[in-house]
Amino acid sequence: MYFGRIPRFSPSFSPKETLLSAKALLRAEPDAAKVRQFEEHFASFIGAKYAVMVPSARYAFYLLLEAMGIGEGDEVVIPGLTYFAIPAIGALRGVRPVFADVGLSSHVLDPAAFEAAITPRTRAVVPTHLYGTPCDMDAIRAIAKKHHIIVIEDCAQSTGARYKGARVGSLGDAAYYTFGLTKNITTLSGAMITTDRADVAEHARRTIDATTPADNRRNVKEAAVGTAMMFATHPYIYPWTLHPVIQLGNMLGKDPIHEPFGEPELRYDTLPGSFAHSRPRAMQAAVGITQLQRIEELNGARIRNGRWLDEHLAHVGGITLPSYPDGAEPIYMSFVIHHPRRDALMTALRKRGIDTTTGYMNDCSDHPLFSEFRRPCANAAVIKAEQLHLPVHPRMDQKDLEHLAESLRSAIREVG
């Protein structure tokens, strides 16, 4: 119970994993064996033949494009609502991102919009299982097969979600994930590729093995930040520490959480040099293995909380609730509602102790960074203007959910 003060997220990092991180750093355990162990566990969990740990999701996407020979002059269909780094890293390879609209309340790729975006130069599609909601993969795969298009799943926010019983990341030609501190499972940094294609896995592994390991000082910093956020968002600590900082930031028109975990939006002139010095370490893999052992428990709590919100907010007027494609089994990485006066509602909720955020996803189809690829997506534009993320993380209990629902009703009445 957060005493009426609920953070927007609480990392899955635990005291056990703090000790595990310290031991791995002090022992200087060889990286390769532990990383391979995590990869094997992860591939088995997803239901894929191969898994390769990489520094970041954007680098994973770059490596997949490279391995599949997708480059200069080729087109890749990407949802209009996405993280800027995905079309940016594709454009770096000379790929033309072709934006396709998403469902207005599902937030995931609309199969009809995907098919309408196909041209003779289309080589791949990136169905993004956004906010933990799987895409309509039967329809997307059927369209892709018809047009001989490669399917690269974006699972950055959906590790463990299922579509008709199968894990996302096992439904296309390849997939990528990320394990940052705010994700449903974390290795503090790092990402993963899964695929059934031996050539793709070998290319990614060969490239990563040629890089140098991440600096241990960075690992120490990441472990320290993870530990600090774990304690700062604890139900008995958050109301008296981090929450007052957020309240002060709100009064000053700042977001002290959004800014540190965000990054400047930009196009890449070259592949970031940091990728050459970020080979995953044993510490990250050790944490990942323990997180994977807990993922069903962590996701299960999200699912319970998300379903409760689905049910108990269904008749709250003035907001649009999320929807889910047939066959999708979401993990509720985020619970995203829409409201026409989103910013006012966000302020009103924060005054009531409910920390909320507009998130990091943008309408890239009409973004200045990608002006030469502009292809407006009406639903993505509405979502960008109206989306608001409500807390749904595993540390919330029943009293938190009830307080959130009542606070939302009250805030809606206030803002009109």
Protein backbone atom coordinates (compact mmCIF):
# COMPACT_ATOMS: atom_id res chain seq x y z
CA MET A 1 0.00 0.00 0.00
CA TYR A 2 1.43 3.34 -1.09
CA PHE A 3 -0.61 5.44 1.39
CA GLY A 4 -2.45 7.06 -1.51
CA ARG A 5 0.80 7.83 -3.37
CA ILE A 6 1.40 5.52 -6.34
CA PRO A 7 4.49 5.70 -8.62
CA ARG A 8 4.13 5.31 -12.37
CA PHE A 9 6.50 2.33 -12.32
CA SER A 10 8.43 0.19 -9.88
CA PRO A 11 11.36 -1.83 -11.24
CA SER A 12 11.32 -5.61 -11.04
CA PHE A 13 14.88 -5.41 -9.65
CA SER A 14 14.96 -7.04 -6.20
CA PRO A 15 17.31 -7.08 -3.18
CA LYS A 16 18.39 -10.59 -4.21
CA GLU A 17 19.46 -9.24 -7.59
CA THR A 18 21.33 -6.37 -5.96
CA LEU A 19 23.45 -8.95 -4.11
CA LEU A 20 23.77 -11.02 -7.29
CA SER A 21 25.04 -7.95 -9.17
CA ALA A 22 27.60 -7.20 -6.47
CA LYS A 23 28.87 -10.79 -6.45
CA ALA A 24 29.17 -10.90 -10.24
CA LEU A 25 31.10 -7.62 -10.26
CA LEU A 26 33.44 -8.65 -7.44
CA ARG A 27 34.12 -12.13 -8.78
CA ALA A 28 34.80 -10.88 -12.30
CA GLU A 29 33.01 -13.98 -13.59
CA PRO A 30 33.76 -14.82 -17.26
CA ASP A 31 31.11 -13.20 -19.40
CA ALA A 32 30.63 -15.65 -22.27
CA ALA A 33 29.43 -18.69 -20.33
CA LYS A 34 26.89 -16.77 -18.24
CA VAL A 35 25.60 -14.84 -21.26
CA ARG A 36 25.16 -18.08 -23.22
CA GLN A 37 23.27 -19.57 -20.28
CA PHE A 38 20.85 -16.63 -20.25
CA GLU A 39 20.42 -16.86 -24.02
CA GLU A 40 19.55 -20.56 -23.80
CA HIS A 41 17.03 -19.98 -21.01
CA PHE A 42 15.48 -17.10 -22.90
CA ALA A 43 15.19 -18.98 -26.21
CA SER A 44 13.51 -21.87 -24.38
CA PHE A 45 11.08 -19.51 -22.63
CA ILE A 46 10.07 -17.78 -25.87
CA GLY A 47 9.93 -20.96 -27.95
CA ALA A 48 12.65 -19.95 -30.42
CA LYS A 49 15.67 -21.93 -31.61
CA TYR A 50 18.19 -19.16 -31.00
CA ALA A 51 18.67 -16.15 -28.75
CA VAL A 52 21.54 -13.65 -28.87
CA MET A 53 22.05 -11.00 -26.18
CA VAL A 54 22.89 -7.56 -27.57
CA PRO A 55 23.43 -4.06 -26.13
CA SER A 56 20.11 -2.47 -27.13
CA ALA A 57 16.89 -2.98 -29.08
CA ARG A 58 17.86 -0.45 -31.73
CA TYR A 59 21.15 -2.26 -32.35
CA ALA A 60 19.22 -5.53 -32.46
CA PHE A 61 17.01 -4.08 -35.20
CA TYR A 62 20.06 -2.86 -37.09
CA LEU A 63 21.69 -6.30 -36.89
CA LEU A 64 18.51 -8.02 -38.07
CA LEU A 65 18.22 -5.72 -41.08
CA GLU A 66 21.89 -6.34 -41.83
CA ALA A 67 21.62 -10.12 -41.43
CA MET A 68 18.59 -10.26 -43.73
CA GLY A 69 20.18 -8.10 -46.40
CA ILE A 70 17.69 -5.26 -46.01
CA GLY A 71 19.27 -1.93 -46.84
CA GLU A 72 19.59 0.88 -49.34
CA GLY A 73 16.34 1.54 -51.20
CA ASP A 74 14.34 -1.15 -49.43
CA GLU A 75 11.11 -0.32 -47.60
CA VAL A 76 10.07 -1.53 -44.16
CA VAL A 77 6.55 -1.03 -42.85
CA ILE A 78 6.63 0.37 -39.31
CA PRO A 79 3.69 1.43 -37.09
CA GLY A 80 3.16 5.18 -37.04
CA LEU A 81 3.09 5.06 -33.24
CA THR A 82 6.56 3.92 -32.23
CA TYR A 83 9.82 4.90 -30.57
CA PHE A 84 11.85 7.29 -32.71
CA ALA A 85 15.00 5.11 -32.60
CA ILE A 86 13.47 2.34 -34.72
CA PRO A 87 12.79 4.33 -37.91
CA ALA A 88 15.97 6.33 -37.22
CA ILE A 89 18.21 3.26 -37.11
CA GLY A 90 16.48 1.84 -40.18
CA ALA A 91 17.07 5.06 -42.11
CA LEU A 92 20.76 4.81 -41.17
CA ARG A 93 20.92 1.60 -43.21
CA GLY A 94 19.31 3.37 -46.14
CA VAL A 95 15.96 1.77 -45.43
CA ARG A 96 12.85 3.79 -46.14
CA PRO A 97 10.42 3.54 -43.21
CA VAL A 98 6.84 3.37 -44.49
CA PHE A 99 4.47 4.26 -41.67
CA ALA A 100 1.18 2.40 -41.25
CA ASP A 101 -1.55 3.34 -38.82
CA VAL A 102 -2.42 1.55 -35.59
CA GLY A 103 -5.72 0.70 -33.95
CA LEU A 104 -7.12 3.71 -32.12
CA SER A 105 -7.49 1.89 -28.80
CA SER A 106 -5.34 -1.22 -29.36
CA HIS A 107 -2.30 0.96 -30.20
CA VAL A 108 -0.84 -1.85 -32.34
CA LEU A 109 -0.38 -2.21 -36.09
CA ASP A 110 -3.63 -2.32 -38.09
CA PRO A 111 -3.32 -5.22 -40.57
CA ALA A 112 -5.36 -3.35 -43.20
CA ALA A 113 -3.07 -0.32 -42.88
CA PHE A 114 -0.06 -2.61 -43.21
CA GLU A 115 -1.38 -4.12 -46.44
CA ALA A 116 -2.20 -0.67 -47.84
CA ALA A 117 1.40 0.43 -47.21
CA ILE A 118 2.97 -2.38 -49.25
CA THR A 119 4.79 -1.54 -52.49
CA PRO A 120 7.04 -3.63 -54.76
CA ARG A 121 10.00 -2.42 -52.64
CA THR A 122 8.61 -3.62 -49.30
CA ARG A 123 11.00 -6.14 -47.70
CA ALA A 124 9.85 -6.32 -44.09
CA VAL A 125 7.22 -5.35 -41.56
CA VAL A 126 7.72 -4.57 -37.86
CA PRO A 127 4.62 -5.52 -35.85
CA THR A 128 5.21 -3.77 -32.53
CA HIS A 129 3.51 -5.43 -29.55
CA LEU A 130 3.15 -2.04 -27.92
CA TYR A 131 2.32 -1.55 -24.23
CA GLY A 132 2.38 -5.33 -23.78
CA THR A 133 -0.46 -5.96 -26.29
CA PRO A 134 0.22 -8.53 -29.04
CA CYS A 135 -0.64 -7.58 -32.60
CA ASP A 136 -3.12 -9.51 -34.74
CA MET A 137 -0.39 -11.85 -35.90
CA ASP A 138 -2.57 -14.23 -37.92
CA ALA A 139 -3.65 -11.40 -40.20
CA ILE A 140 -0.19 -9.82 -40.34
CA ARG A 141 1.55 -13.11 -41.13
CA ALA A 142 -1.00 -13.97 -43.82
CA ILE A 143 -0.45 -10.61 -45.53
CA ALA A 144 3.33 -10.94 -45.18
CA LYS A 145 3.32 -14.46 -46.65
CA LYS A 146 1.16 -13.34 -49.56
CA HIS A 147 3.64 -10.57 -50.44
CA HIS A 148 6.86 -12.42 -49.47
CA ILE A 149 7.63 -9.98 -46.66
CA ILE A 150 9.91 -10.66 -43.68
CA VAL A 151 8.29 -10.28 -40.22
CA ILE A 152 10.47 -8.72 -37.50
CA GLU A 153 8.59 -8.57 -34.19
CA ASP A 154 9.22 -5.63 -31.85
CA CYS A 155 8.82 -7.16 -28.38
CA ALA A 156 10.52 -4.34 -26.46
CA GLN A 157 7.45 -3.92 -24.24
CA SER A 158 5.96 -7.39 -24.35
CA THR A 159 8.34 -10.05 -23.02
CA GLY A 160 6.20 -13.02 -22.08
CA ALA A 161 2.96 -11.92 -23.76
CA ARG A 162 1.13 -14.51 -25.84
CA TYR A 163 -0.90 -14.57 -29.01
CA LYS A 164 -3.23 -17.58 -29.21
CA GLY A 165 -1.01 -19.41 -26.74
CA ALA A 166 2.34 -18.72 -28.43
CA ARG A 167 4.86 -16.27 -27.02
CA VAL A 168 5.41 -13.11 -29.00
CA GLY A 169 8.84 -13.29 -30.54
CA SER A 170 8.20 -16.80 -31.84
CA LEU A 171 5.67 -15.72 -34.46
CA GLY A 172 7.82 -14.10 -37.15
CA ASP A 173 11.21 -14.49 -38.80
CA ALA A 174 12.98 -12.78 -35.89
CA ALA A 175 12.30 -10.54 -32.92
CA TYR A 176 14.00 -8.15 -30.53
CA TYR A 177 13.45 -7.29 -26.85
CA THR A 178 14.92 -4.83 -24.39
CA PHE A 179 15.56 -5.13 -20.66
CA GLY A 180 15.92 -1.58 -19.38
CA LEU A 181 15.09 -0.66 -15.80
CA THR A 182 11.48 0.31 -16.58
CA LYS A 183 10.63 -2.91 -18.45
CA ASN A 184 8.69 -5.86 -17.03
CA ILE A 185 11.95 -7.75 -16.58
CA THR A 186 15.32 -6.06 -16.44
CA THR A 187 19.01 -6.76 -16.84
CA LEU A 188 19.52 -3.04 -16.07
CA SER A 189 20.56 -2.59 -19.70
CA GLY A 190 20.84 -4.83 -22.72
CA ALA A 191 18.49 -6.54 -25.13
CA MET A 192 17.91 -9.82 -26.95
CA ILE A 193 17.33 -11.18 -30.44
CA THR A 194 15.34 -14.38 -31.01
CA THR A 195 15.00 -16.26 -34.29
CA ASP A 196 14.68 -19.73 -35.78
CA ARG A 197 17.12 -18.80 -38.55
CA ALA A 198 20.65 -20.05 -37.90
CA ASP A 199 22.18 -17.55 -40.37
CA VAL A 200 20.56 -14.59 -38.60
CA ALA A 201 21.65 -15.76 -35.16
CA GLU A 202 25.18 -16.44 -36.37
CA HIS A 203 25.50 -12.98 -37.91
CA ALA A 204 24.33 -11.30 -34.71
CA ARG A 205 26.58 -13.44 -32.50
CA ARG A 206 29.63 -12.95 -34.70
CA THR A 207 29.11 -9.19 -34.68
CA ILE A 208 28.59 -8.97 -30.92
CA ASP A 209 31.55 -11.25 -30.17
CA ALA A 210 33.76 -8.88 -32.16
CA THR A 211 32.92 -5.98 -29.84
CA THR A 212 34.52 -5.21 -26.48
CA PRO A 213 32.68 -5.76 -23.19
CA ALA A 214 30.74 -2.97 -21.53
CA ASP A 215 32.79 -0.96 -19.04
CA ASN A 216 32.45 -2.35 -15.52
CA ARG A 217 32.08 1.19 -14.22
CA ARG A 218 28.90 1.46 -16.26
CA ASN A 219 27.68 -1.83 -14.79
CA VAL A 220 28.33 -0.54 -11.28
CA LYS A 221 26.41 2.66 -12.05
CA GLU A 222 23.48 0.71 -13.52
CA ALA A 223 23.33 -1.60 -10.49
CA ALA A 224 23.40 1.44 -8.20
CA VAL A 225 20.58 3.16 -10.11
CA GLY A 226 18.53 -0.03 -10.14
CA THR A 227 18.95 -0.47 -6.41
CA ALA A 228 18.14 3.19 -5.73
CA MET A 229 14.95 3.07 -7.81
CA MET A 230 13.92 -0.24 -6.21
CA PHE A 231 14.04 1.39 -2.77
CA ALA A 232 12.73 4.80 -3.90
CA THR A 233 9.56 3.22 -5.30
CA HIS A 234 8.98 0.89 -2.36
CA PRO A 235 5.48 1.33 -0.86
CA TYR A 236 6.85 2.46 2.52
CA ILE A 237 9.49 4.81 1.09
CA TYR A 238 8.03 6.34 -2.08
CA PRO A 239 5.43 8.63 -0.40
CA TRP A 240 8.13 10.41 1.62
CA THR A 241 10.98 10.55 -0.90
CA LEU A 242 10.38 10.37 -4.65
CA HIS A 243 6.75 11.49 -4.57
CA PRO A 244 7.51 14.98 -3.13
CA VAL A 245 10.16 15.43 -5.84
CA ILE A 246 7.60 14.59 -8.53
CA GLN A 247 5.09 17.00 -6.96
CA LEU A 248 7.66 19.78 -6.95
CA GLY A 249 8.56 19.04 -10.55
CA ASN A 250 4.90 19.12 -11.49
CA MET A 251 4.55 22.61 -9.99
CA LEU A 252 7.62 23.74 -11.95
CA GLY A 253 6.39 22.21 -15.20
CA LYS A 254 9.11 19.52 -15.12
CA ASP A 255 9.00 15.73 -15.04
CA PRO A 256 11.91 14.45 -12.92
CA ILE A 257 11.27 10.83 -13.95
CA HIS A 258 10.53 11.24 -17.65
CA GLU A 259 13.65 13.25 -18.45
CA PRO A 260 16.33 10.99 -16.88
CA PHE A 261 14.89 7.86 -18.51
CA GLY A 262 14.25 9.54 -21.86
CA GLU A 263 16.73 10.70 -24.49
CA PRO A 264 16.99 13.39 -27.17
CA GLU A 265 15.21 12.45 -30.38
CA LEU A 266 17.62 12.58 -33.33
CA ARG A 267 18.67 10.91 -36.56
CA TYR A 268 21.88 8.90 -36.69
CA ASP A 269 24.73 10.01 -38.95
CA THR A 270 26.69 6.87 -38.10
CA LEU A 271 26.19 3.80 -35.97
CA PRO A 272 26.73 4.94 -32.35
CA GLY A 273 30.30 4.15 -31.31
CA SER A 274 29.07 2.88 -27.95
CA PHE A 275 27.73 -0.24 -29.68
CA ALA A 276 31.30 -1.38 -30.28
CA HIS A 277 32.02 -1.28 -26.55
CA SER A 278 28.85 -2.74 -25.06
CA ARG A 279 29.14 -6.50 -25.25
CA PRO A 280 26.84 -7.91 -22.51
CA ARG A 281 28.48 -8.87 -19.22
CA ALA A 282 28.02 -11.76 -16.81
CA MET A 283 26.37 -9.44 -14.30
CA GLN A 284 23.57 -8.55 -16.74
CA ALA A 285 23.06 -12.18 -17.70
CA ALA A 286 22.99 -13.34 -14.07
CA VAL A 287 20.29 -10.79 -13.27
CA GLY A 288 18.42 -11.79 -16.42
CA ILE A 289 18.37 -15.46 -15.43
CA THR A 290 16.84 -14.70 -12.03
CA GLN A 291 14.35 -12.28 -13.59
CA LEU A 292 13.29 -14.95 -16.07
CA GLN A 293 12.61 -17.29 -13.14
CA ARG A 294 10.20 -14.65 -11.77
CA ILE A 295 8.62 -13.46 -15.02
CA GLU A 296 5.38 -15.42 -14.68
CA GLU A 297 4.88 -14.00 -11.19
CA LEU A 298 5.71 -10.45 -12.33
CA ASN A 299 3.57 -10.62 -15.46
CA GLY A 300 0.80 -12.35 -13.54
CA ALA A 301 0.55 -9.40 -11.16
CA ARG A 302 0.40 -6.98 -14.09
CA ILE A 303 -2.31 -9.04 -15.73
CA ARG A 304 -4.40 -9.14 -12.56
CA ASN A 305 -4.07 -5.38 -12.12
CA GLY A 306 -4.76 -4.66 -15.79
CA ARG A 307 -7.85 -6.84 -15.91
CA TRP A 308 -9.17 -5.19 -12.75
CA LEU A 309 -8.75 -1.78 -14.36
CA ASP A 310 -10.40 -3.02 -17.58
CA GLU A 311 -13.43 -4.11 -15.58
CA HIS A 312 -13.74 -1.28 -13.06
CA LEU A 313 -13.03 1.61 -15.44
CA ALA A 314 -15.31 0.30 -18.19
CA HIS A 315 -18.16 2.66 -17.29
CA VAL A 316 -16.09 5.75 -16.42
CA GLY A 317 -17.18 8.43 -18.85
CA GLY A 318 -14.82 10.73 -20.71
CA ILE A 319 -11.99 8.26 -21.30
CA THR A 320 -11.15 5.62 -23.88
CA LEU A 321 -9.85 2.34 -22.48
CA PRO A 322 -7.40 0.04 -24.26
CA SER A 323 -8.66 -2.80 -26.45
CA TYR A 324 -6.95 -6.00 -27.53
CA PRO A 325 -6.97 -7.93 -30.83
CA ASP A 326 -8.73 -11.29 -30.86
CA GLY A 327 -6.34 -13.93 -29.56
CA ALA A 328 -4.07 -11.42 -27.84
CA GLU A 329 -3.03 -12.19 -24.25
CA PRO A 330 -1.54 -8.88 -23.05
CA ILE A 331 0.83 -8.51 -20.12
CA TYR A 332 -0.24 -4.88 -19.41
CA MET A 333 3.24 -3.40 -19.62
CA SER A 334 1.30 -0.13 -19.62
CA PHE A 335 -2.36 0.70 -19.09
CA VAL A 336 -2.98 3.52 -21.57
CA ILE A 337 -6.18 5.56 -21.58
CA HIS A 338 -7.15 8.51 -23.79
CA HIS A 339 -8.62 11.80 -22.69
CA PRO A 340 -9.08 14.96 -24.80
CA ARG A 341 -7.64 17.09 -21.96
CA ARG A 342 -4.84 14.68 -21.20
CA ASP A 343 -2.38 17.18 -19.67
CA ALA A 344 -5.00 18.62 -17.32
CA LEU A 345 -6.05 15.12 -16.29
CA MET A 346 -2.41 14.18 -15.65
CA THR A 347 -1.98 17.18 -13.35
CA ALA A 348 -5.21 16.42 -11.51
CA LEU A 349 -4.16 12.81 -10.94
CA ARG A 350 -0.74 13.80 -9.67
CA LYS A 351 -2.40 16.13 -7.15
CA ARG A 352 -4.25 13.05 -5.90
CA GLY A 353 -1.02 11.08 -5.52
CA ILE A 354 -1.26 9.10 -8.78
CA ASP A 355 1.90 9.58 -10.82
CA THR A 356 1.22 9.33 -14.54
CA THR A 357 3.13 9.94 -17.74
CA THR A 358 2.48 10.51 -21.43
CA GLY A 359 5.19 7.96 -22.26
CA TYR A 360 7.92 7.95 -24.89
CA MET A 361 6.03 6.76 -27.96
CA ASN A 362 5.54 9.33 -30.68
CA ASP A 363 3.59 9.75 -33.90
CA CYS A 364 6.64 9.21 -36.07
CA SER A 365 4.50 9.27 -39.22
CA ASP A 366 4.24 13.06 -38.89
CA HIS A 367 7.46 13.78 -36.98
CA PRO A 368 9.94 16.46 -38.13
CA LEU A 369 12.76 13.91 -37.88
CA PHE A 370 11.18 11.87 -40.64
CA SER A 371 9.73 14.60 -42.84
CA GLU A 372 10.91 12.93 -46.07
CA PHE A 373 8.98 9.80 -45.07
CA ARG A 374 5.86 11.64 -43.95
CA ARG A 375 2.75 9.48 -44.27
CA PRO A 376 0.19 10.73 -41.76
CA CYS A 377 -1.58 8.16 -39.60
CA ALA A 378 -4.81 9.55 -38.16
CA ASN A 379 -5.07 7.21 -35.18
CA ALA A 380 -1.42 7.63 -34.21
CA ALA A 381 -1.94 11.41 -34.18
CA VAL A 382 -4.93 11.14 -31.83
CA ILE A 383 -3.10 8.75 -29.52
CA LYS A 384 -0.06 11.02 -29.31
CA ALA A 385 -2.28 13.93 -28.23
CA GLU A 386 -4.52 12.01 -25.80
CA GLN A 387 -2.60 9.05 -24.32
CA LEU A 388 -1.98 8.80 -20.59
CA HIS A 389 -0.30 5.88 -18.82
CA LEU A 390 -1.88 4.77 -15.55
CA PRO A 391 0.17 2.75 -13.02
CA VAL A 392 -0.31 -1.01 -13.36
CA HIS A 393 2.95 -2.43 -11.99
CA PRO A 394 3.23 -5.55 -9.78
CA ARG A 395 3.77 -3.73 -6.47
CA MET A 396 0.27 -2.26 -6.52
CA ASP A 397 -2.26 -3.92 -4.22
CA GLN A 398 -6.05 -3.89 -4.13
CA LYS A 399 -6.25 -0.67 -2.11
CA ASP A 400 -3.96 1.04 -4.64
CA LEU A 401 -6.22 -0.04 -7.51
CA GLU A 402 -9.32 1.21 -5.73
CA HIS A 403 -7.62 4.52 -4.90
CA LEU A 404 -6.53 4.87 -8.53
CA ALA A 405 -10.05 4.25 -9.86
CA GLU A 406 -11.65 6.72 -7.44
CA SER A 407 -8.96 9.32 -8.09
CA LEU A 408 -9.51 8.99 -11.83
CA ARG A 409 -13.27 9.50 -11.50
CA SER A 410 -12.68 12.55 -9.29
CA ALA A 411 -10.02 13.98 -11.62
CA ILE A 412 -12.29 13.59 -14.66
CA ARG A 413 -15.05 15.47 -12.90
CA GLU A 414 -12.57 18.23 -12.07
CA VAL A 415 -11.16 18.73 -15.58
CA GLY A 416 -14.48 18.19 -17.38
